[in-house]
Amino acid sequence: MLKSNFSGGRAIEKVVLSVGLSEHRQKEESVNQIMADLAKIAAQKPVKTRAKKAISTFKIRKGDSVGLMVTLRGQRMLDFLEKLVKIVLPRLKGFRGLSLKSFDQQGNFHLGFREQVLFPEIEPEKTSLIFGLEVSIKTRAKNPDEGRLALEELGFLFER
């Protein structure tokens, strides 16, 4: 397993996994399937995110469920990051490293996946629903360079 403290204060604070429900939000069984898959991936129960205001173009009312999210901290976060580095990223077709453009100005890293079946907990033959998810890694870094160093300590590979 990974160490929880890193030199220079470049530690990872939290990891947030999020899924937008889009067309699936109307079907309760689809929402439950996505919720179950996200819970398997994160080893923690996700919470529903609700719309802050109504958007008539998308037929969304204030308070409607629009997504799911899980916030990981501590050992669960470290276990997830280890799985991400050692299993999920190598499964990506043509993977040559993560883009440095995925860092924001505060040194946090954002990564999206088109399919949840890349994760080892999801059995492709048993799932009927394919959905994408976003992984946001919040670092204690002050800028993108410090964030990159913190993630490289964990084994993340970046494009050169």
N, C-alpha and C. Protein backbone atom coordinates (compact mmCIF):
# COMPACT_ATOMS: atom_id res chain seq x y z
N MET A 1 0.83 -1.19 0.00
CA MET A 1 0.00 0.00 0.00
C MET A 1 0.87 1.25 0.00
N LEU A 2 0.24 2.38 -0.24
CA LEU A 2 0.96 3.64 -0.35
C LEU A 2 1.11 4.32 1.00
N LYS A 3 2.12 5.17 1.09
CA LYS A 3 2.32 5.94 2.32
C LYS A 3 1.35 7.11 2.34
N SER A 4 0.92 7.52 3.54
CA SER A 4 -0.05 8.60 3.62
C SER A 4 0.59 9.97 3.81
N ASN A 5 1.89 10.04 4.06
CA ASN A 5 2.52 11.35 4.21
C ASN A 5 3.64 11.51 3.19
N PHE A 6 3.69 12.67 2.59
CA PHE A 6 4.66 12.95 1.54
C PHE A 6 5.50 14.14 1.96
N SER A 7 6.70 14.21 1.44
CA SER A 7 7.61 15.30 1.80
C SER A 7 7.15 16.62 1.18
N GLY A 8 7.49 17.70 1.82
CA GLY A 8 7.23 19.02 1.25
C GLY A 8 5.77 19.44 1.26
N GLY A 9 4.90 18.77 1.99
CA GLY A 9 3.50 19.16 2.05
C GLY A 9 2.75 18.94 0.75
N ARG A 10 3.25 18.07 -0.12
CA ARG A 10 2.60 17.83 -1.42
C ARG A 10 1.61 16.68 -1.34
N ALA A 11 1.11 16.40 -0.18
CA ALA A 11 0.22 15.25 0.00
C ALA A 11 -1.10 15.44 -0.75
N ILE A 12 -1.75 14.35 -0.98
CA ILE A 12 -3.07 14.36 -1.60
C ILE A 12 -4.09 14.56 -0.49
N GLU A 13 -4.99 15.50 -0.66
CA GLU A 13 -5.99 15.79 0.36
C GLU A 13 -7.20 14.87 0.24
N LYS A 14 -7.74 14.77 -1.00
CA LYS A 14 -8.91 13.91 -1.22
C LYS A 14 -9.03 13.58 -2.69
N VAL A 15 -9.85 12.57 -2.96
CA VAL A 15 -10.17 12.18 -4.33
C VAL A 15 -11.69 12.16 -4.45
N VAL A 16 -12.22 12.82 -5.47
CA VAL A 16 -13.66 12.86 -5.68
C VAL A 16 -13.98 12.16 -6.99
N LEU A 17 -14.86 11.16 -6.93
CA LEU A 17 -15.35 10.47 -8.13
C LEU A 17 -16.75 10.98 -8.38
N SER A 18 -17.04 11.39 -9.61
CA SER A 18 -18.38 11.90 -9.91
C SER A 18 -18.89 11.34 -11.23
N VAL A 19 -20.20 11.18 -11.29
CA VAL A 19 -20.88 10.67 -12.48
C VAL A 19 -22.09 11.56 -12.73
N GLY A 20 -22.23 12.04 -13.95
CA GLY A 20 -23.43 12.77 -14.35
C GLY A 20 -24.46 11.77 -14.84
N LEU A 21 -25.70 11.91 -14.38
CA LEU A 21 -26.73 10.92 -14.72
C LEU A 21 -27.34 11.16 -16.10
N SER A 22 -27.35 12.38 -16.58
CA SER A 22 -27.90 12.78 -17.88
C SER A 22 -29.21 12.05 -18.19
N GLU A 23 -29.23 11.25 -19.26
CA GLU A 23 -30.49 10.60 -19.67
C GLU A 23 -30.93 9.48 -18.73
N HIS A 24 -30.05 9.01 -17.87
CA HIS A 24 -30.38 7.91 -16.97
C HIS A 24 -31.16 8.37 -15.73
N ARG A 25 -31.23 9.68 -15.49
CA ARG A 25 -31.83 10.15 -14.24
C ARG A 25 -33.32 9.88 -14.13
N GLN A 26 -33.99 9.64 -15.26
CA GLN A 26 -35.42 9.35 -15.25
C GLN A 26 -35.72 7.90 -14.86
N LYS A 27 -34.75 7.01 -15.08
CA LYS A 27 -34.97 5.58 -14.83
C LYS A 27 -34.33 5.17 -13.51
N GLU A 28 -35.14 4.81 -12.56
CA GLU A 28 -34.65 4.48 -11.22
C GLU A 28 -33.73 3.26 -11.23
N GLU A 29 -34.03 2.26 -12.06
CA GLU A 29 -33.17 1.06 -12.10
C GLU A 29 -31.80 1.39 -12.67
N SER A 30 -31.72 2.30 -13.63
CA SER A 30 -30.43 2.73 -14.17
C SER A 30 -29.63 3.48 -13.11
N VAL A 31 -30.29 4.35 -12.37
CA VAL A 31 -29.63 5.10 -11.30
C VAL A 31 -29.09 4.14 -10.25
N ASN A 32 -29.88 3.14 -9.89
CA ASN A 32 -29.45 2.15 -8.90
C ASN A 32 -28.25 1.33 -9.40
N GLN A 33 -28.24 0.99 -10.69
CA GLN A 33 -27.12 0.25 -11.29
C GLN A 33 -25.84 1.09 -11.26
N ILE A 34 -25.96 2.36 -11.65
CA ILE A 34 -24.81 3.26 -11.63
C ILE A 34 -24.31 3.44 -10.21
N MET A 35 -25.25 3.59 -9.28
CA MET A 35 -24.89 3.76 -7.86
C MET A 35 -24.14 2.53 -7.34
N ALA A 36 -24.61 1.34 -7.70
CA ALA A 36 -23.97 0.10 -7.26
C ALA A 36 -22.56 -0.03 -7.85
N ASP A 37 -22.42 0.28 -9.14
CA ASP A 37 -21.10 0.20 -9.78
C ASP A 37 -20.13 1.20 -9.17
N LEU A 38 -20.60 2.43 -8.93
CA LEU A 38 -19.73 3.45 -8.33
C LEU A 38 -19.34 3.05 -6.91
N ALA A 39 -20.26 2.43 -6.19
CA ALA A 39 -19.95 1.96 -4.83
C ALA A 39 -18.88 0.86 -4.87
N LYS A 40 -18.94 -0.02 -5.88
CA LYS A 40 -17.92 -1.07 -6.02
C LYS A 40 -16.56 -0.46 -6.32
N ILE A 41 -16.54 0.51 -7.23
CA ILE A 41 -15.29 1.14 -7.63
C ILE A 41 -14.64 1.87 -6.46
N ALA A 42 -15.45 2.61 -5.70
CA ALA A 42 -14.92 3.47 -4.63
C ALA A 42 -14.84 2.78 -3.28
N ALA A 43 -15.50 1.63 -3.12
CA ALA A 43 -15.58 0.94 -1.83
C ALA A 43 -16.26 1.83 -0.79
N GLN A 44 -17.20 2.63 -1.26
CA GLN A 44 -17.92 3.55 -0.38
C GLN A 44 -19.21 3.95 -1.09
N LYS A 45 -20.29 4.14 -0.33
CA LYS A 45 -21.58 4.46 -0.93
C LYS A 45 -21.59 5.89 -1.48
N PRO A 46 -22.01 6.06 -2.74
CA PRO A 46 -22.09 7.40 -3.31
C PRO A 46 -23.32 8.17 -2.82
N VAL A 47 -23.27 9.49 -2.94
CA VAL A 47 -24.41 10.33 -2.61
C VAL A 47 -24.94 10.96 -3.90
N LYS A 48 -26.23 11.22 -3.93
CA LYS A 48 -26.84 11.87 -5.09
C LYS A 48 -26.58 13.37 -5.00
N THR A 49 -26.24 13.96 -6.14
CA THR A 49 -26.11 15.42 -6.19
C THR A 49 -27.39 15.95 -6.82
N ARG A 50 -27.85 17.06 -6.31
CA ARG A 50 -29.13 17.63 -6.74
C ARG A 50 -28.92 18.95 -7.47
N ALA A 51 -29.85 19.28 -8.36
CA ALA A 51 -29.78 20.53 -9.12
C ALA A 51 -30.02 21.70 -8.17
N LYS A 52 -29.17 22.72 -8.26
CA LYS A 52 -29.33 23.91 -7.42
C LYS A 52 -30.44 24.81 -7.93
N LYS A 53 -30.66 24.79 -9.25
CA LYS A 53 -31.74 25.59 -9.83
C LYS A 53 -32.32 24.87 -11.04
N ALA A 54 -33.49 25.29 -11.45
CA ALA A 54 -34.17 24.68 -12.59
C ALA A 54 -33.53 25.13 -13.90
N ILE A 55 -33.42 24.18 -14.85
CA ILE A 55 -32.92 24.49 -16.19
C ILE A 55 -33.92 23.87 -17.17
N SER A 56 -34.80 24.71 -17.72
CA SER A 56 -35.89 24.20 -18.56
C SER A 56 -35.38 23.54 -19.84
N THR A 57 -34.26 24.00 -20.38
CA THR A 57 -33.71 23.41 -21.60
C THR A 57 -33.43 21.92 -21.43
N PHE A 58 -32.96 21.54 -20.24
CA PHE A 58 -32.63 20.14 -19.96
C PHE A 58 -33.73 19.43 -19.17
N LYS A 59 -34.87 20.09 -18.99
CA LYS A 59 -36.00 19.53 -18.24
C LYS A 59 -35.59 19.13 -16.82
N ILE A 60 -34.83 20.01 -16.18
CA ILE A 60 -34.37 19.78 -14.81
C ILE A 60 -35.05 20.77 -13.89
N ARG A 61 -35.61 20.26 -12.81
CA ARG A 61 -36.21 21.11 -11.78
C ARG A 61 -35.25 21.23 -10.61
N LYS A 62 -35.42 22.28 -9.85
CA LYS A 62 -34.59 22.46 -8.66
C LYS A 62 -34.80 21.26 -7.74
N GLY A 63 -33.71 20.66 -7.28
CA GLY A 63 -33.80 19.51 -6.37
C GLY A 63 -33.75 18.15 -7.06
N ASP A 64 -33.83 18.11 -8.40
CA ASP A 64 -33.73 16.84 -9.12
C ASP A 64 -32.34 16.24 -8.96
N SER A 65 -32.27 14.91 -8.96
CA SER A 65 -30.96 14.24 -8.95
C SER A 65 -30.32 14.40 -10.32
N VAL A 66 -29.10 14.93 -10.34
CA VAL A 66 -28.41 15.13 -11.61
C VAL A 66 -27.10 14.36 -11.68
N GLY A 67 -26.67 13.79 -10.56
CA GLY A 67 -25.41 13.06 -10.57
C GLY A 67 -25.18 12.30 -9.28
N LEU A 68 -24.04 11.62 -9.24
CA LEU A 68 -23.61 10.88 -8.05
C LEU A 68 -22.16 11.23 -7.78
N MET A 69 -21.78 11.23 -6.52
CA MET A 69 -20.38 11.48 -6.21
C MET A 69 -19.95 10.77 -4.94
N VAL A 70 -18.65 10.52 -4.87
CA VAL A 70 -18.04 9.89 -3.71
C VAL A 70 -16.77 10.67 -3.40
N THR A 71 -16.57 11.01 -2.14
CA THR A 71 -15.33 11.65 -1.71
C THR A 71 -14.53 10.65 -0.89
N LEU A 72 -13.32 10.39 -1.33
CA LEU A 72 -12.44 9.43 -0.65
C LEU A 72 -11.33 10.17 0.06
N ARG A 73 -11.07 9.77 1.30
CA ARG A 73 -9.96 10.31 2.08
C ARG A 73 -9.26 9.16 2.78
N GLY A 74 -8.08 9.43 3.31
CA GLY A 74 -7.38 8.44 4.12
C GLY A 74 -6.98 7.19 3.35
N GLN A 75 -7.10 6.04 4.01
CA GLN A 75 -6.64 4.78 3.43
C GLN A 75 -7.44 4.38 2.19
N ARG A 76 -8.76 4.63 2.18
CA ARG A 76 -9.55 4.30 0.99
C ARG A 76 -9.07 5.09 -0.22
N MET A 77 -8.71 6.35 0.02
CA MET A 77 -8.19 7.19 -1.06
C MET A 77 -6.87 6.61 -1.59
N LEU A 78 -5.99 6.23 -0.69
CA LEU A 78 -4.70 5.68 -1.10
C LEU A 78 -4.86 4.36 -1.84
N ASP A 79 -5.78 3.51 -1.37
CA ASP A 79 -6.05 2.25 -2.06
C ASP A 79 -6.59 2.50 -3.47
N PHE A 80 -7.49 3.48 -3.59
CA PHE A 80 -8.05 3.81 -4.90
C PHE A 80 -6.96 4.32 -5.84
N LEU A 81 -6.10 5.21 -5.35
CA LEU A 81 -5.03 5.76 -6.18
C LEU A 81 -4.06 4.67 -6.63
N GLU A 82 -3.77 3.73 -5.73
CA GLU A 82 -2.89 2.62 -6.09
C GLU A 82 -3.52 1.77 -7.20
N LYS A 83 -4.81 1.49 -7.07
CA LYS A 83 -5.53 0.72 -8.09
C LYS A 83 -5.55 1.49 -9.42
N LEU A 84 -5.72 2.79 -9.34
CA LEU A 84 -5.74 3.63 -10.54
C LEU A 84 -4.41 3.56 -11.28
N VAL A 85 -3.31 3.69 -10.54
CA VAL A 85 -1.97 3.71 -11.14
C VAL A 85 -1.55 2.33 -11.65
N LYS A 86 -1.81 1.29 -10.87
CA LYS A 86 -1.29 -0.04 -11.20
C LYS A 86 -2.19 -0.88 -12.10
N ILE A 87 -3.50 -0.62 -12.10
CA ILE A 87 -4.41 -1.47 -12.86
C ILE A 87 -5.16 -0.72 -13.95
N VAL A 88 -5.82 0.38 -13.58
CA VAL A 88 -6.73 1.05 -14.52
C VAL A 88 -5.98 1.78 -15.64
N LEU A 89 -5.01 2.62 -15.30
CA LEU A 89 -4.30 3.38 -16.34
C LEU A 89 -3.57 2.47 -17.33
N PRO A 90 -2.91 1.39 -16.88
CA PRO A 90 -2.28 0.49 -17.86
C PRO A 90 -3.28 -0.20 -18.80
N ARG A 91 -4.55 -0.29 -18.40
CA ARG A 91 -5.58 -0.91 -19.25
C ARG A 91 -6.01 0.01 -20.39
N LEU A 92 -5.72 1.30 -20.29
CA LEU A 92 -6.12 2.23 -21.33
C LEU A 92 -5.37 1.94 -22.62
N LYS A 93 -6.11 1.87 -23.71
CA LYS A 93 -5.51 1.58 -25.01
C LYS A 93 -4.63 2.75 -25.44
N GLY A 94 -3.40 2.46 -25.79
CA GLY A 94 -2.48 3.49 -26.27
C GLY A 94 -2.06 4.48 -25.20
N PHE A 95 -2.05 4.07 -23.95
CA PHE A 95 -1.70 4.98 -22.85
C PHE A 95 -0.20 5.28 -22.87
N ARG A 96 0.13 6.57 -22.96
CA ARG A 96 1.53 6.99 -22.96
C ARG A 96 1.82 8.00 -21.87
N GLY A 97 0.93 8.13 -20.95
CA GLY A 97 1.10 9.10 -19.87
C GLY A 97 -0.08 10.06 -19.82
N LEU A 98 -0.28 10.66 -18.66
CA LEU A 98 -1.37 11.60 -18.46
C LEU A 98 -0.97 12.98 -18.96
N SER A 99 -1.95 13.75 -19.39
CA SER A 99 -1.69 15.09 -19.91
C SER A 99 -1.45 16.07 -18.77
N LEU A 100 -0.43 16.89 -18.92
CA LEU A 100 -0.15 17.93 -17.92
C LEU A 100 -1.18 19.05 -17.99
N LYS A 101 -1.97 19.09 -19.06
CA LYS A 101 -3.01 20.11 -19.21
C LYS A 101 -4.20 19.84 -18.30
N SER A 102 -4.22 18.68 -17.66
CA SER A 102 -5.34 18.32 -16.78
C SER A 102 -5.19 18.89 -15.38
N PHE A 103 -4.13 19.64 -15.13
CA PHE A 103 -3.96 20.31 -13.84
C PHE A 103 -4.64 21.67 -13.88
N ASP A 104 -5.29 22.06 -12.77
CA ASP A 104 -5.80 23.42 -12.68
C ASP A 104 -4.73 24.31 -12.04
N GLN A 105 -5.02 25.57 -11.85
CA GLN A 105 -4.04 26.52 -11.32
C GLN A 105 -3.62 26.23 -9.89
N GLN A 106 -4.45 25.51 -9.13
CA GLN A 106 -4.13 25.19 -7.74
C GLN A 106 -3.36 23.88 -7.59
N GLY A 107 -3.07 23.20 -8.68
CA GLY A 107 -2.31 21.96 -8.61
C GLY A 107 -3.17 20.72 -8.45
N ASN A 108 -4.48 20.85 -8.64
CA ASN A 108 -5.38 19.69 -8.57
C ASN A 108 -5.44 19.04 -9.95
N PHE A 109 -5.65 17.73 -9.98
CA PHE A 109 -5.64 16.98 -11.23
C PHE A 109 -7.01 16.40 -11.51
N HIS A 110 -7.47 16.51 -12.75
CA HIS A 110 -8.79 16.02 -13.15
C HIS A 110 -8.63 15.05 -14.32
N LEU A 111 -9.32 13.92 -14.21
CA LEU A 111 -9.16 12.85 -15.18
C LEU A 111 -10.53 12.22 -15.45
N GLY A 112 -10.86 12.02 -16.71
CA GLY A 112 -12.14 11.43 -17.06
C GLY A 112 -11.99 10.07 -17.72
N PHE A 113 -12.95 9.18 -17.46
CA PHE A 113 -12.98 7.86 -18.09
C PHE A 113 -14.31 7.72 -18.82
N ARG A 114 -14.27 7.19 -20.03
CA ARG A 114 -15.50 7.02 -20.81
C ARG A 114 -16.30 5.80 -20.37
N GLU A 115 -15.61 4.81 -19.79
CA GLU A 115 -16.29 3.58 -19.40
C GLU A 115 -15.85 3.16 -18.01
N GLN A 116 -16.81 2.71 -17.22
CA GLN A 116 -16.48 2.24 -15.87
C GLN A 116 -15.92 0.83 -15.88
N VAL A 117 -16.01 0.14 -17.01
CA VAL A 117 -15.55 -1.26 -17.07
C VAL A 117 -14.03 -1.38 -17.03
N LEU A 118 -13.31 -0.27 -17.08
CA LEU A 118 -11.85 -0.31 -16.93
C LEU A 118 -11.44 -0.71 -15.52
N PHE A 119 -12.33 -0.49 -14.57
CA PHE A 119 -12.02 -0.80 -13.17
C PHE A 119 -12.23 -2.29 -12.92
N PRO A 120 -11.33 -2.91 -12.15
CA PRO A 120 -11.38 -4.37 -11.97
C PRO A 120 -12.62 -4.87 -11.23
N GLU A 121 -13.29 -4.03 -10.47
CA GLU A 121 -14.47 -4.48 -9.72
C GLU A 121 -15.69 -4.68 -10.62
N ILE A 122 -15.67 -4.08 -11.80
CA ILE A 122 -16.81 -4.15 -12.71
C ILE A 122 -16.59 -5.28 -13.71
N GLU A 123 -17.53 -6.20 -13.76
CA GLU A 123 -17.46 -7.31 -14.71
C GLU A 123 -18.25 -6.92 -15.96
N PRO A 124 -17.57 -6.73 -17.10
CA PRO A 124 -18.24 -6.24 -18.31
C PRO A 124 -19.41 -7.12 -18.77
N GLU A 125 -19.29 -8.44 -18.59
CA GLU A 125 -20.37 -9.32 -19.04
C GLU A 125 -21.60 -9.25 -18.14
N LYS A 126 -21.45 -8.74 -16.92
CA LYS A 126 -22.59 -8.67 -15.99
C LYS A 126 -23.23 -7.29 -15.95
N THR A 127 -22.64 -6.31 -16.61
CA THR A 127 -23.21 -4.97 -16.58
C THR A 127 -23.85 -4.66 -17.93
N SER A 128 -25.03 -4.06 -17.87
CA SER A 128 -25.74 -3.72 -19.10
C SER A 128 -25.65 -2.23 -19.40
N LEU A 129 -25.07 -1.49 -18.47
CA LEU A 129 -25.04 -0.04 -18.57
C LEU A 129 -23.60 0.46 -18.57
N ILE A 130 -23.24 1.24 -19.57
CA ILE A 130 -21.90 1.82 -19.65
C ILE A 130 -22.03 3.31 -19.35
N PHE A 131 -21.21 3.80 -18.44
CA PHE A 131 -21.23 5.23 -18.12
C PHE A 131 -19.81 5.72 -17.87
N GLY A 132 -19.62 7.00 -18.02
CA GLY A 132 -18.32 7.61 -17.78
C GLY A 132 -18.27 8.20 -16.39
N LEU A 133 -17.05 8.43 -15.91
CA LEU A 133 -16.90 9.07 -14.61
C LEU A 133 -15.68 9.96 -14.60
N GLU A 134 -15.70 10.95 -13.73
CA GLU A 134 -14.57 11.86 -13.58
C GLU A 134 -13.93 11.65 -12.23
N VAL A 135 -12.60 11.68 -12.23
CA VAL A 135 -11.83 11.55 -11.00
C VAL A 135 -11.09 12.88 -10.80
N SER A 136 -11.34 13.53 -9.67
CA SER A 136 -10.65 14.77 -9.33
C SER A 136 -9.77 14.51 -8.12
N ILE A 137 -8.48 14.80 -8.27
CA ILE A 137 -7.53 14.57 -7.19
C ILE A 137 -7.10 15.92 -6.63
N LYS A 138 -7.53 16.21 -5.41
CA LYS A 138 -7.20 17.48 -4.76
C LYS A 138 -5.90 17.32 -4.00
N THR A 139 -4.90 18.11 -4.40
CA THR A 139 -3.60 18.06 -3.73
C THR A 139 -3.46 19.26 -2.80
N ARG A 140 -2.47 19.21 -1.95
CA ARG A 140 -2.17 20.36 -1.10
C ARG A 140 -1.14 21.27 -1.76
N ALA A 141 -0.93 21.07 -3.04
CA ALA A 141 0.05 21.85 -3.80
C ALA A 141 -0.46 23.27 -4.03
N LYS A 142 0.46 24.17 -4.29
CA LYS A 142 0.12 25.57 -4.55
C LYS A 142 0.06 25.88 -6.05
N ASN A 143 0.65 25.00 -6.87
CA ASN A 143 0.66 25.23 -8.31
C ASN A 143 0.74 23.88 -9.04
N PRO A 144 0.56 23.89 -10.36
CA PRO A 144 0.57 22.62 -11.11
C PRO A 144 1.86 21.82 -11.00
N ASP A 145 3.00 22.49 -10.91
CA ASP A 145 4.28 21.77 -10.81
C ASP A 145 4.38 20.97 -9.52
N GLU A 146 3.96 21.58 -8.41
CA GLU A 146 3.96 20.85 -7.12
C GLU A 146 2.98 19.69 -7.16
N GLY A 147 1.83 19.91 -7.79
CA GLY A 147 0.84 18.84 -7.93
C GLY A 147 1.37 17.68 -8.73
N ARG A 148 2.09 17.99 -9.82
CA ARG A 148 2.69 16.93 -10.64
C ARG A 148 3.70 16.14 -9.84
N LEU A 149 4.54 16.82 -9.05
CA LEU A 149 5.52 16.12 -8.23
C LEU A 149 4.85 15.20 -7.21
N ALA A 150 3.76 15.69 -6.60
CA ALA A 150 3.04 14.87 -5.62
C ALA A 150 2.49 13.61 -6.27
N LEU A 151 1.93 13.73 -7.46
CA LEU A 151 1.37 12.57 -8.14
C LEU A 151 2.46 11.64 -8.68
N GLU A 152 3.57 12.21 -9.10
CA GLU A 152 4.69 11.36 -9.56
C GLU A 152 5.24 10.52 -8.42
N GLU A 153 5.21 11.06 -7.20
CA GLU A 153 5.63 10.27 -6.02
C GLU A 153 4.77 9.03 -5.85
N LEU A 154 3.51 9.13 -6.26
CA LEU A 154 2.58 8.01 -6.13
C LEU A 154 2.68 7.04 -7.31
N GLY A 155 3.45 7.38 -8.33
CA GLY A 155 3.62 6.48 -9.46
C GLY A 155 2.87 6.88 -10.71
N PHE A 156 2.24 8.06 -10.72
CA PHE A 156 1.55 8.53 -11.92
C PHE A 156 2.58 8.86 -12.99
N LEU A 157 2.28 8.51 -14.24
CA LEU A 157 3.16 8.81 -15.37
C LEU A 157 2.55 9.94 -16.18
N PHE A 158 3.37 10.90 -16.57
CA PHE A 158 2.90 12.04 -17.36
C PHE A 158 3.61 12.08 -18.69
N GLU A 159 2.94 12.67 -19.69
CA GLU A 159 3.53 12.83 -21.02
C GLU A 159 4.77 13.70 -20.90
N ARG A 160 5.73 13.44 -21.74
CA ARG A 160 6.95 14.26 -21.75
C ARG A 160 6.91 15.23 -22.88
